[in-house]
Structure formats: structure tokens, C-alpha cells
Amino acid sequence: MNVKPLVELAVVIRSKNSGPFELTLDIIYRRAKDYEEAKRLNYFTKELFAKAYSTTPDKVLKVVYFDPVSAVKATLVRPVPSGVPGDSDVYGAQQHAPLLKLVAPVGD
């Protein structure tokens, strides 16, 4: 399996709140064939996101492959609710950093 840094394969890597208790991660691919290879291999799993975010797979609520835009979406339980004392990112917009370290398969 050939891999490349995810930052080279994706045009968008972002995070945002999905309500006060959940965080959504979006990865939108540049090329459909790279997305299709990741999907074919079921590369993005609850376990992969759990490891990237130092949590357990049960805290990753879902992982969805969204074909119309060659995207992968994952929803995680926020470690603390949005806006409570101790929350460092009320909008969840700066939580994508662990994804920037990932590699992913390349479609040939």
C-alpha cells in the first residue's frame, strides 16, 4: 500500500462543533481516486480516529464516507462540553491538528 501525508491528499481538513457535546472532523480529498482507495480499504476507522485523538473507539460516534464530495467525516465526543470552564476551543475549530500528522493510502 502506497501512502502519502494526508495534508497532501486533502484539500480540506477541518473540525467544528456538532453541538456542545460532539466534535465533527472533515477530510475532503483533492482526487476522487485517493478517496476511493481509502474507502475501499476502510482506512478511516473508529480505531484510527481514537488513536489520533488519544481516546477510545467508543468515543468516536461515527465515521462516514461521503461519496458526492470525496469526503470522510467523523464525529467524536468532546472531552469537555463547549463553553464550560476548561474548554480551550468553544467552536471546535482548532481540533483538527492531530489529523495533520496522518498518512493515508494513495489511489494508483
N, C-alpha and C. Protein backbone atom coordinates (compact mmCIF):
# COMPACT_ATOMS: atom_id res chain seq x y z
N MET A 1 0.85 -1.17 0.00
CA MET A 1 0.00 0.00 0.00
C MET A 1 0.90 1.24 0.00
N ASN A 2 0.72 2.09 -0.99
CA ASN A 2 1.42 3.36 -1.04
C ASN A 2 0.66 4.38 -0.22
N VAL A 3 1.39 5.18 0.56
CA VAL A 3 0.76 6.21 1.38
C VAL A 3 1.45 7.54 1.16
N LYS A 4 0.73 8.59 1.48
CA LYS A 4 1.24 9.96 1.46
C LYS A 4 0.68 10.68 2.68
N PRO A 5 1.32 11.78 3.08
CA PRO A 5 0.73 12.58 4.15
C PRO A 5 -0.68 13.04 3.77
N LEU A 6 -1.58 12.95 4.71
CA LEU A 6 -2.96 13.35 4.46
C LEU A 6 -3.04 14.81 4.00
N VAL A 7 -2.15 15.65 4.49
CA VAL A 7 -2.18 17.07 4.10
C VAL A 7 -1.90 17.24 2.61
N GLU A 8 -1.26 16.26 1.97
CA GLU A 8 -1.04 16.32 0.52
C GLU A 8 -2.23 15.78 -0.27
N LEU A 9 -3.02 14.94 0.36
CA LEU A 9 -4.14 14.29 -0.32
C LEU A 9 -5.45 15.06 -0.19
N ALA A 10 -5.56 15.87 0.84
CA ALA A 10 -6.82 16.55 1.13
C ALA A 10 -6.75 18.04 0.77
N VAL A 11 -7.84 18.54 0.28
CA VAL A 11 -7.96 19.97 0.02
C VAL A 11 -8.50 20.68 1.28
N VAL A 12 -9.23 19.95 2.10
CA VAL A 12 -9.77 20.49 3.35
C VAL A 12 -9.58 19.47 4.45
N ILE A 13 -9.06 19.93 5.58
CA ILE A 13 -9.01 19.16 6.82
C ILE A 13 -9.45 20.13 7.90
N ARG A 14 -10.60 19.86 8.51
CA ARG A 14 -11.13 20.83 9.47
C ARG A 14 -11.91 20.13 10.57
N SER A 15 -12.19 20.92 11.60
CA SER A 15 -13.01 20.45 12.72
C SER A 15 -14.03 21.53 13.05
N LYS A 16 -15.12 21.10 13.66
CA LYS A 16 -16.15 22.04 14.09
C LYS A 16 -17.05 21.34 15.10
N ASN A 17 -17.75 22.14 15.88
CA ASN A 17 -18.71 21.56 16.80
C ASN A 17 -19.85 20.91 16.05
N SER A 18 -20.36 19.86 16.64
CA SER A 18 -21.58 19.22 16.18
C SER A 18 -22.52 19.22 17.38
N GLY A 19 -22.75 20.40 17.91
CA GLY A 19 -23.47 20.57 19.16
C GLY A 19 -22.47 20.75 20.29
N PRO A 20 -22.92 21.01 21.49
CA PRO A 20 -22.00 21.29 22.60
C PRO A 20 -21.21 20.09 23.11
N PHE A 21 -21.63 18.89 22.75
CA PHE A 21 -21.00 17.69 23.29
C PHE A 21 -20.25 16.85 22.27
N GLU A 22 -20.29 17.27 21.00
CA GLU A 22 -19.65 16.50 19.93
C GLU A 22 -18.80 17.38 19.04
N LEU A 23 -17.81 16.76 18.43
CA LEU A 23 -16.90 17.41 17.50
C LEU A 23 -16.94 16.64 16.19
N THR A 24 -17.06 17.36 15.08
CA THR A 24 -17.04 16.72 13.76
C THR A 24 -15.75 17.06 13.05
N LEU A 25 -15.14 16.05 12.44
CA LEU A 25 -13.92 16.20 11.66
C LEU A 25 -14.26 15.95 10.20
N ASP A 26 -13.76 16.81 9.32
CA ASP A 26 -14.00 16.66 7.89
C ASP A 26 -12.67 16.55 7.16
N ILE A 27 -12.60 15.59 6.25
CA ILE A 27 -11.45 15.43 5.36
C ILE A 27 -12.03 15.38 3.95
N ILE A 28 -11.71 16.37 3.14
CA ILE A 28 -12.21 16.40 1.76
C ILE A 28 -11.01 16.22 0.83
N TYR A 29 -11.08 15.17 0.05
CA TYR A 29 -9.96 14.79 -0.82
C TYR A 29 -9.85 15.66 -2.07
N ARG A 30 -8.63 15.84 -2.55
CA ARG A 30 -8.35 16.52 -3.82
C ARG A 30 -8.77 15.65 -5.00
N ARG A 31 -8.40 14.36 -4.92
CA ARG A 31 -8.63 13.45 -6.05
C ARG A 31 -9.55 12.31 -5.62
N ALA A 32 -10.55 12.07 -6.44
CA ALA A 32 -11.51 11.00 -6.14
C ALA A 32 -10.83 9.65 -6.02
N LYS A 33 -9.80 9.39 -6.83
CA LYS A 33 -9.17 8.06 -6.77
C LYS A 33 -8.45 7.81 -5.45
N ASP A 34 -7.92 8.84 -4.81
CA ASP A 34 -7.31 8.66 -3.49
C ASP A 34 -8.38 8.39 -2.44
N TYR A 35 -9.49 9.14 -2.53
CA TYR A 35 -10.63 8.90 -1.64
C TYR A 35 -11.16 7.48 -1.81
N GLU A 36 -11.33 7.06 -3.05
CA GLU A 36 -11.87 5.73 -3.33
C GLU A 36 -10.97 4.63 -2.77
N GLU A 37 -9.66 4.84 -2.83
CA GLU A 37 -8.73 3.84 -2.28
C GLU A 37 -8.86 3.76 -0.76
N ALA A 38 -8.95 4.91 -0.10
CA ALA A 38 -9.14 4.91 1.36
C ALA A 38 -10.46 4.22 1.73
N LYS A 39 -11.50 4.50 0.96
CA LYS A 39 -12.79 3.88 1.22
C LYS A 39 -12.73 2.37 0.97
N ARG A 40 -12.11 1.98 -0.14
CA ARG A 40 -12.00 0.55 -0.47
C ARG A 40 -11.32 -0.22 0.64
N LEU A 41 -10.30 0.38 1.23
CA LEU A 41 -9.54 -0.26 2.31
C LEU A 41 -10.19 -0.07 3.68
N ASN A 42 -11.29 0.70 3.73
CA ASN A 42 -11.88 1.09 5.01
C ASN A 42 -10.80 1.62 5.95
N TYR A 43 -10.01 2.52 5.41
CA TYR A 43 -8.83 3.02 6.11
C TYR A 43 -9.19 3.87 7.33
N PHE A 44 -10.18 4.73 7.18
CA PHE A 44 -10.58 5.60 8.28
C PHE A 44 -11.60 4.87 9.14
N THR A 45 -11.17 4.47 10.30
CA THR A 45 -12.00 3.70 11.22
C THR A 45 -12.11 4.42 12.55
N LYS A 46 -13.02 3.94 13.37
CA LYS A 46 -13.13 4.49 14.73
C LYS A 46 -11.81 4.33 15.47
N GLU A 47 -11.14 3.21 15.23
CA GLU A 47 -9.86 2.96 15.92
C GLU A 47 -8.78 3.95 15.48
N LEU A 48 -8.74 4.28 14.19
CA LEU A 48 -7.75 5.23 13.69
C LEU A 48 -7.98 6.61 14.32
N PHE A 49 -9.23 7.08 14.33
CA PHE A 49 -9.52 8.39 14.93
C PHE A 49 -9.29 8.37 16.44
N ALA A 50 -9.64 7.28 17.09
CA ALA A 50 -9.41 7.17 18.53
C ALA A 50 -7.92 7.28 18.86
N LYS A 51 -7.09 6.60 18.09
CA LYS A 51 -5.66 6.66 18.31
C LYS A 51 -5.14 8.08 18.07
N ALA A 52 -5.58 8.72 16.99
CA ALA A 52 -5.13 10.08 16.67
C ALA A 52 -5.51 11.07 17.77
N TYR A 53 -6.63 10.84 18.43
CA TYR A 53 -7.13 11.76 19.45
C TYR A 53 -6.94 11.25 20.88
N SER A 54 -6.13 10.22 21.03
CA SER A 54 -5.82 9.67 22.36
C SER A 54 -7.08 9.41 23.18
N THR A 55 -8.00 8.72 22.54
CA THR A 55 -9.24 8.36 23.23
C THR A 55 -9.56 6.91 22.89
N THR A 56 -10.73 6.47 23.25
CA THR A 56 -11.14 5.09 22.98
C THR A 56 -12.15 5.07 21.82
N PRO A 57 -12.21 3.96 21.09
CA PRO A 57 -13.13 3.89 19.95
C PRO A 57 -14.59 4.18 20.28
N ASP A 58 -15.02 3.91 21.52
CA ASP A 58 -16.41 4.20 21.87
C ASP A 58 -16.69 5.70 21.93
N LYS A 59 -15.66 6.52 21.99
CA LYS A 59 -15.82 7.99 21.97
C LYS A 59 -15.90 8.53 20.55
N VAL A 60 -15.65 7.66 19.57
CA VAL A 60 -15.83 8.02 18.16
C VAL A 60 -17.21 7.51 17.77
N LEU A 61 -18.14 8.41 17.62
CA LEU A 61 -19.54 8.02 17.45
C LEU A 61 -19.84 7.47 16.06
N LYS A 62 -19.20 8.04 15.03
CA LYS A 62 -19.41 7.51 13.68
C LYS A 62 -18.31 7.99 12.74
N VAL A 63 -18.12 7.21 11.72
CA VAL A 63 -17.23 7.54 10.61
C VAL A 63 -18.04 7.32 9.34
N VAL A 64 -18.10 8.34 8.48
CA VAL A 64 -18.93 8.29 7.29
C VAL A 64 -18.09 8.64 6.07
N TYR A 65 -18.19 7.82 5.05
CA TYR A 65 -17.61 8.13 3.74
C TYR A 65 -18.71 8.79 2.92
N PHE A 66 -18.46 10.01 2.44
CA PHE A 66 -19.47 10.78 1.73
C PHE A 66 -19.04 10.96 0.27
N ASP A 67 -19.52 10.05 -0.57
CA ASP A 67 -19.09 9.97 -1.97
C ASP A 67 -19.28 11.23 -2.81
N PRO A 68 -20.39 11.97 -2.67
CA PRO A 68 -20.60 13.10 -3.59
C PRO A 68 -19.46 14.14 -3.61
N VAL A 69 -18.74 14.26 -2.49
CA VAL A 69 -17.63 15.23 -2.46
C VAL A 69 -16.31 14.58 -2.06
N SER A 70 -16.21 13.26 -2.15
CA SER A 70 -14.99 12.53 -1.80
C SER A 70 -14.49 12.94 -0.41
N ALA A 71 -15.36 12.79 0.57
CA ALA A 71 -15.05 13.24 1.93
C ALA A 71 -15.24 12.12 2.95
N VAL A 72 -14.50 12.27 4.04
CA VAL A 72 -14.65 11.40 5.20
C VAL A 72 -15.02 12.30 6.37
N LYS A 73 -16.04 11.91 7.12
CA LYS A 73 -16.47 12.67 8.28
C LYS A 73 -16.45 11.75 9.49
N ALA A 74 -15.98 12.28 10.60
CA ALA A 74 -16.02 11.52 11.84
C ALA A 74 -16.59 12.42 12.93
N THR A 75 -17.35 11.83 13.83
CA THR A 75 -17.90 12.57 14.96
C THR A 75 -17.41 11.93 16.24
N LEU A 76 -16.84 12.77 17.11
CA LEU A 76 -16.28 12.33 18.37
C LEU A 76 -16.97 13.03 19.53
N VAL A 77 -16.97 12.40 20.68
CA VAL A 77 -17.43 13.05 21.90
C VAL A 77 -16.37 14.06 22.30
N ARG A 78 -16.79 15.30 22.57
CA ARG A 78 -15.84 16.31 23.03
C ARG A 78 -15.34 15.93 24.43
N PRO A 79 -14.05 16.18 24.72
CA PRO A 79 -13.54 15.86 26.05
C PRO A 79 -14.21 16.68 27.15
N VAL A 80 -14.57 17.92 26.84
CA VAL A 80 -15.38 18.77 27.73
C VAL A 80 -16.40 19.48 26.86
N PRO A 81 -17.60 19.74 27.40
CA PRO A 81 -18.61 20.42 26.58
C PRO A 81 -18.15 21.82 26.16
N SER A 82 -18.65 22.26 25.04
CA SER A 82 -18.32 23.57 24.51
C SER A 82 -18.73 24.67 25.48
N GLY A 83 -17.80 25.57 25.78
CA GLY A 83 -18.09 26.74 26.58
C GLY A 83 -17.99 26.59 28.08
N VAL A 84 -17.73 25.38 28.56
CA VAL A 84 -17.59 25.22 30.02
C VAL A 84 -16.18 25.58 30.45
N PRO A 85 -15.97 25.87 31.73
CA PRO A 85 -14.60 26.14 32.18
C PRO A 85 -13.68 24.96 31.81
N GLY A 86 -12.53 25.29 31.27
CA GLY A 86 -11.59 24.26 30.83
C GLY A 86 -11.66 24.00 29.34
N ASP A 87 -12.68 24.52 28.66
CA ASP A 87 -12.78 24.36 27.21
C ASP A 87 -11.83 25.36 26.55
N SER A 88 -10.92 24.85 25.76
CA SER A 88 -9.92 25.71 25.12
C SER A 88 -10.32 26.14 23.71
N ASP A 89 -11.44 25.64 23.19
CA ASP A 89 -11.85 25.94 21.83
C ASP A 89 -13.37 25.84 21.73
N VAL A 90 -14.06 26.91 22.08
CA VAL A 90 -15.51 26.90 22.19
C VAL A 90 -16.19 26.50 20.88
N TYR A 91 -15.58 26.80 19.73
CA TYR A 91 -16.19 26.46 18.44
C TYR A 91 -15.73 25.11 17.88
N GLY A 92 -14.73 24.52 18.48
CA GLY A 92 -14.20 23.25 17.98
C GLY A 92 -13.42 23.40 16.69
N ALA A 93 -13.06 24.63 16.34
CA ALA A 93 -12.45 24.90 15.04
C ALA A 93 -10.93 24.66 15.00
N GLN A 94 -10.33 24.38 16.13
CA GLN A 94 -8.88 24.18 16.16
C GLN A 94 -8.52 22.75 16.58
N GLN A 95 -9.44 21.84 16.43
CA GLN A 95 -9.23 20.47 16.90
C GLN A 95 -8.80 19.50 15.81
N HIS A 96 -8.52 19.99 14.63
CA HIS A 96 -8.13 19.12 13.51
C HIS A 96 -6.63 18.80 13.49
N ALA A 97 -5.85 19.42 14.34
CA ALA A 97 -4.39 19.27 14.31
C ALA A 97 -3.92 17.81 14.31
N PRO A 98 -4.48 16.89 15.10
CA PRO A 98 -3.99 15.51 15.03
C PRO A 98 -4.12 14.87 13.65
N LEU A 99 -5.07 15.32 12.85
CA LEU A 99 -5.25 14.78 11.51
C LEU A 99 -4.10 15.17 10.59
N LEU A 100 -3.46 16.28 10.88
CA LEU A 100 -2.37 16.78 10.04
C LEU A 100 -1.15 15.88 10.07
N LYS A 101 -1.09 14.99 11.04
CA LYS A 101 0.05 14.06 11.18
C LYS A 101 -0.19 12.71 10.49
N LEU A 102 -1.41 12.48 10.02
CA LEU A 102 -1.76 11.18 9.46
C LEU A 102 -1.24 10.99 8.04
N VAL A 103 -1.05 9.74 7.68
CA VAL A 103 -0.81 9.36 6.30
C VAL A 103 -2.03 8.55 5.86
N ALA A 104 -2.23 8.49 4.54
CA ALA A 104 -3.37 7.74 4.01
C ALA A 104 -2.97 7.10 2.68
N PRO A 105 -3.70 6.08 2.28
CA PRO A 105 -3.37 5.39 1.02
C PRO A 105 -3.58 6.27 -0.20
N VAL A 106 -2.82 5.97 -1.23
CA VAL A 106 -2.89 6.70 -2.49
C VAL A 106 -3.48 5.78 -3.54
N GLY A 107 -4.43 6.31 -4.30
CA GLY A 107 -5.00 5.54 -5.41
C GLY A 107 -4.08 5.60 -6.62
N ASP A 108 -3.86 4.47 -7.26
CA ASP A 108 -2.97 4.44 -8.45
C ASP A 108 -3.75 4.54 -9.73
